C-alpha atoms as a PDB file:
ATOM      1  CA  MET A   1     -15.552 -20.087  -1.195  1.00  0.00           C
ATOM      2  CA  SER A   2     -12.838 -18.283   0.299  1.00  0.00           C
ATOM      3  CA  LYS A   3     -12.976 -15.096   2.539  1.00  0.00           C
ATOM      4  CA  THR A   4      -9.811 -12.966   4.489  1.00  0.00           C
ATOM      5  CA  ILE A   5      -9.470  -9.664   5.498  1.00  0.00           C
ATOM      6  CA  THR A   6      -6.447  -8.240   5.571  1.00  0.00           C
ATOM      7  CA  ASN A   7      -5.149  -4.536   7.251  1.00  0.00           C
ATOM      8  CA  GLY A   8      -9.420  -3.547   6.745  1.00  0.00           C
ATOM      9  CA  ILE A   9      -8.964  -5.295   2.692  1.00  0.00           C
ATOM     10  CA  ARG A  10     -11.867  -8.308   2.604  1.00  0.00           C
ATOM     11  CA  ILE A  11     -11.278 -10.872  -0.495  1.00  0.00           C
ATOM     12  CA  GLU A  12     -13.895 -13.320  -1.372  1.00  0.00           C
ATOM     13  CA  VAL A  13     -13.542 -15.939  -4.080  1.00  0.00           C
ATOM     14  CA  LYS A  14     -15.670 -17.617  -5.435  1.00  0.00           C
ATOM     15  CA  SER A  15     -14.836 -20.465  -7.807  1.00  0.00           C
ATOM     16  CA  SER A  16     -16.881 -22.834 -10.542  1.00  0.00           C
ATOM     17  CA  PHE A  17     -16.226 -25.620 -13.142  1.00  0.00           C
ATOM     18  CA  LEU A  18     -16.985 -24.823 -16.471  1.00  0.00           C
ATOM     19  CA  PRO A  19     -17.472 -27.780 -18.704  1.00  0.00           C
ATOM     20  CA  GLU A  20     -18.216 -25.730 -21.544  1.00  0.00           C
ATOM     21  CA  ARG A  21     -15.064 -24.621 -22.022  1.00  0.00           C
ATOM     22  CA  SER A  22     -13.467 -27.680 -20.832  1.00  0.00           C
ATOM     23  CA  ASN A  23     -12.225 -31.121 -22.504  1.00  0.00           C
ATOM     24  CA  PRO A  24     -11.319 -33.687 -20.095  1.00  0.00           C
ATOM     25  CA  PRO A  25     -10.460 -36.693 -22.469  1.00  0.00           C
ATOM     26  CA  LYS A  26      -6.963 -33.843 -23.249  1.00  0.00           C
ATOM     27  CA  PRO A  27      -6.933 -33.502 -20.261  1.00  0.00           C
ATOM     28  CA  LEU A  28      -8.574 -29.669 -19.611  1.00  0.00           C
ATOM     29  CA  PHE A  29     -10.255 -28.424 -17.176  1.00  0.00           C
ATOM     30  CA  ILE A  30     -11.208 -25.038 -16.703  1.00  0.00           C
ATOM     31  CA  PHE A  31     -12.557 -23.038 -13.919  1.00  0.00           C
ATOM     32  CA  ALA A  32     -13.758 -19.622 -13.210  1.00  0.00           C
ATOM     33  CA  TYR A  33     -12.839 -17.667  -9.942  1.00  0.00           C
ATOM     34  CA  HIS A  34     -14.654 -14.800  -9.211  1.00  0.00           C
ATOM     35  CA  ILE A  35     -13.447 -12.299  -6.426  1.00  0.00           C
ATOM     36  CA  THR A  36     -14.876  -9.744  -4.484  1.00  0.00           C
ATOM     37  CA  ILE A  37     -12.469  -7.235  -3.008  1.00  0.00           C
ATOM     38  CA  LYS A  38     -13.708  -4.519  -0.233  1.00  0.00           C
ATOM     39  CA  ASN A  39     -12.106  -1.506   1.363  1.00  0.00           C
ATOM     40  CA  GLU A  40     -13.419  -2.100   4.779  1.00  0.00           C
ATOM     41  CA  GLY A  41     -10.479   0.407   6.460  1.00  0.00           C
ATOM     42  CA  ASP A  42     -10.528   3.861   7.227  1.00  0.00           C
ATOM     43  CA  GLN A  43      -7.853   4.849   4.172  1.00  0.00           C
ATOM     44  CA  PRO A  44      -7.930   4.271   0.517  1.00  0.00           C
ATOM     45  CA  ALA A  45      -5.488   1.401  -0.793  1.00  0.00           C
ATOM     46  CA  GLU A  46      -4.803   0.609  -4.599  1.00  0.00           C
ATOM     47  CA  LEU A  47      -4.465  -2.824  -5.586  1.00  0.00           C
ATOM     48  CA  LYS A  48      -0.626  -3.352  -7.015  1.00  0.00           C
ATOM     49  CA  ASP A  49       0.355  -6.725  -7.787  1.00  0.00           C
ATOM     50  CA  ARG A  50      -1.272  -9.952  -7.777  1.00  0.00           C
ATOM     51  CA  TYR A  51       0.431 -13.260  -6.556  1.00  0.00           C
ATOM     52  CA  TRP A  52      -1.463 -16.972  -7.618  1.00  0.00           C
ATOM     53  CA  HIS A  53       0.105 -20.200  -6.202  1.00  0.00           C
ATOM     54  CA  ILE A  54      -1.381 -23.040  -7.555  1.00  0.00           C
ATOM     55  CA  THR A  55      -1.367 -26.542  -7.119  1.00  0.00           C
ATOM     56  CA  ASP A  56      -3.463 -29.331  -9.232  1.00  0.00           C
ATOM     57  CA  ALA A  57      -4.043 -32.706  -8.166  1.00  0.00           C
ATOM     58  CA  ASN A  58      -1.041 -34.225  -9.289  1.00  0.00           C
ATOM     59  CA  GLY A  59       1.107 -32.109  -6.996  1.00  0.00           C
ATOM     60  CA  ASN A  60       2.171 -29.751  -9.662  1.00  0.00           C
ATOM     61  CA  ILE A  61       2.682 -26.082  -8.524  1.00  0.00           C
ATOM     62  CA  GLU A  62       2.245 -22.791 -10.514  1.00  0.00           C
ATOM     63  CA  GLU A  63       3.282 -19.904  -9.429  1.00  0.00           C
ATOM     64  CA  ILE A  64       1.977 -16.480 -11.311  1.00  0.00           C
ATOM     65  CA  ARG A  65       2.797 -13.207 -10.902  1.00  0.00           C
ATOM     66  CA  GLY A  66       2.010  -9.674 -12.267  1.00  0.00           C
ATOM     67  CA  PRO A  67       1.003  -6.074 -12.068  1.00  0.00           C
ATOM     68  CA  GLY A  68      -2.732  -5.750 -11.040  1.00  0.00           C
ATOM     69  CA  VAL A  69      -5.755  -7.855 -11.999  1.00  0.00           C
ATOM     70  CA  VAL A  70      -7.778  -8.105 -15.166  1.00  0.00           C
ATOM     71  CA  GLY A  71      -5.760  -4.694 -16.232  1.00  0.00           C
ATOM     72  CA  ASN A  72      -6.838  -2.678 -13.730  1.00  0.00           C
ATOM     73  CA  HIS A  73      -5.402  -1.425 -10.414  1.00  0.00           C
ATOM     74  CA  PRO A  74      -8.004  -0.382  -8.585  1.00  0.00           C
ATOM     75  CA  ARG A  75      -7.796   2.088  -5.895  1.00  0.00           C
ATOM     76  CA  LEU A  76     -10.661   1.699  -3.763  1.00  0.00           C
ATOM     77  CA  GLN A  77     -12.010   4.317  -1.277  1.00  0.00           C
ATOM     78  CA  GLU A  78     -13.796   3.391   2.016  1.00  0.00           C
ATOM     79  CA  ASN A  79     -16.298   0.746   1.552  1.00  0.00           C
ATOM     80  CA  GLU A  80     -16.054   0.382  -2.141  1.00  0.00           C
ATOM     81  CA  THR A  81     -15.707  -2.640  -3.745  1.00  0.00           C
ATOM     82  CA  PHE A  82     -14.219  -4.549  -7.067  1.00  0.00           C
ATOM     83  CA  GLU A  83     -14.958  -7.373  -8.287  1.00  0.00           C
ATOM     84  CA  TYR A  84     -14.104  -9.419 -11.375  1.00  0.00           C
ATOM     85  CA  THR A  85     -13.883 -12.986 -12.895  1.00  0.00           C
ATOM     86  CA  SER A  86     -10.979 -14.680 -14.028  1.00  0.00           C
ATOM     87  CA  PHE A  87      -9.956 -18.112 -15.197  1.00  0.00           C
ATOM     88  CA  CYS A  88      -7.838 -21.180 -14.468  1.00  0.00           C
ATOM     89  CA  PRO A  89      -6.819 -23.922 -16.615  1.00  0.00           C
ATOM     90  CA  LEU A  90      -5.662 -27.334 -15.001  1.00  0.00           C
ATOM     91  CA  PRO A  91      -5.077 -30.779 -16.377  1.00  0.00           C
ATOM     92  CA  THR A  92      -6.724 -32.412 -13.177  1.00  0.00           C
ATOM     93  CA  ALA A  93     -10.312 -32.371 -12.133  1.00  0.00           C
ATOM     94  CA  PHE A  94      -9.021 -31.162  -8.629  1.00  0.00           C
ATOM     95  CA  GLY A  95      -6.788 -28.270  -7.402  1.00  0.00           C
ATOM     96  CA  VAL A  96      -6.577 -25.293  -4.981  1.00  0.00           C
ATOM     97  CA  MET A  97      -5.281 -22.008  -5.846  1.00  0.00           C
ATOM     98  CA  LYS A  98      -4.233 -19.314  -2.765  1.00  0.00           C
ATOM     99  CA  GLY A  99      -2.220 -16.469  -3.565  1.00  0.00           C
ATOM    100  CA  SER A 100      -2.412 -12.281  -2.270  1.00  0.00           C
ATOM    101  CA  PHE A 101      -2.429  -8.720  -3.375  1.00  0.00           C
ATOM    102  CA  ARG A 102      -0.167  -6.106  -3.101  1.00  0.00           C
ATOM    103  CA  MET A 103      -2.192  -3.527  -1.821  1.00  0.00           C
ATOM    104  CA  MET A 104      -0.606   0.399  -1.366  1.00  0.00           C
ATOM    105  CA  ARG A 105      -1.969   3.331   1.319  1.00  0.00           C
ATOM    106  CA  ASP A 106      -1.627   6.613  -0.220  1.00  0.00           C
ATOM    107  CA  ASN A 107       0.893   7.454   2.223  1.00  0.00           C
ATOM    108  CA  GLY A 108       3.001   4.632   0.652  1.00  0.00           C
ATOM    109  CA  GLU A 109       2.372   1.861   2.999  1.00  0.00           C
ATOM    110  CA  SER A 110       2.449  -1.381   1.122  1.00  0.00           C
ATOM    111  CA  PHE A 111       1.219  -4.764   2.715  1.00  0.00           C
ATOM    112  CA  GLU A 112      -0.080  -8.217   1.232  1.00  0.00           C
ATOM    113  CA  ALA A 113      -3.865  -9.102   1.576  1.00  0.00           C
ATOM    114  CA  LYS A 114      -4.042 -12.790   1.798  1.00  0.00           C
ATOM    115  CA  ILE A 115      -6.167 -14.890  -0.056  1.00  0.00           C
ATOM    116  CA  GLU A 116      -6.878 -17.939   1.467  1.00  0.00           C
ATOM    117  CA  PRO A 117      -7.037 -21.133  -0.284  1.00  0.00           C
ATOM    118  CA  PHE A 118     -10.132 -22.169  -2.251  1.00  0.00           C
ATOM    119  CA  LYS A 119     -10.719 -25.426  -4.193  1.00  0.00           C
ATOM    120  CA  LEU A 120     -11.172 -25.795  -8.269  1.00  0.00           C
ATOM    121  CA  SER A 121     -12.799 -28.863  -8.654  1.00  0.00           C
ATOM    122  CA  VAL A 122     -15.438 -30.699 -11.231  1.00  0.00           C
ATOM    123  CA  PRO A 123     -18.689 -31.014  -9.011  1.00  0.00           C
ATOM    124  CA  PHE A 124     -18.803 -34.553  -7.272  1.00  0.00           C
ATOM    125  CA  SER A 125     -14.964 -35.115  -8.246  1.00  0.00           C
ATOM    126  CA  VAL A 126     -14.266 -34.625  -4.710  1.00  0.00           C
ATOM    127  CA  ASN A 127     -15.666 -35.877  -1.823  1.00  0.00           C
END
């Protein structure tokens, strides 16, 4: 699990392996990651953009940038939470993701809410 707080925005990530959607002989490993974003600050903030840095077990890196998350640009009031689940395919049984969400306050202040690295791994594939 990954937990971070940036400017009052708490981001928690839990990942899991999806064997029913994976095909190891191909090789294709599908992972789900569930994100909880909570505004623990005293001002509203809207999620504008996402950035992901994904590294597989072979050292290959993929970077993903885009607007919002799962088609949404959640605007969080004080103590409000937004949750979603998304997926990451990898050609290896292990990988690491990290990234950030660009958040914007009502006054126009923009900042990067950091997402600490979290593992994507097939159970028992990594000590």
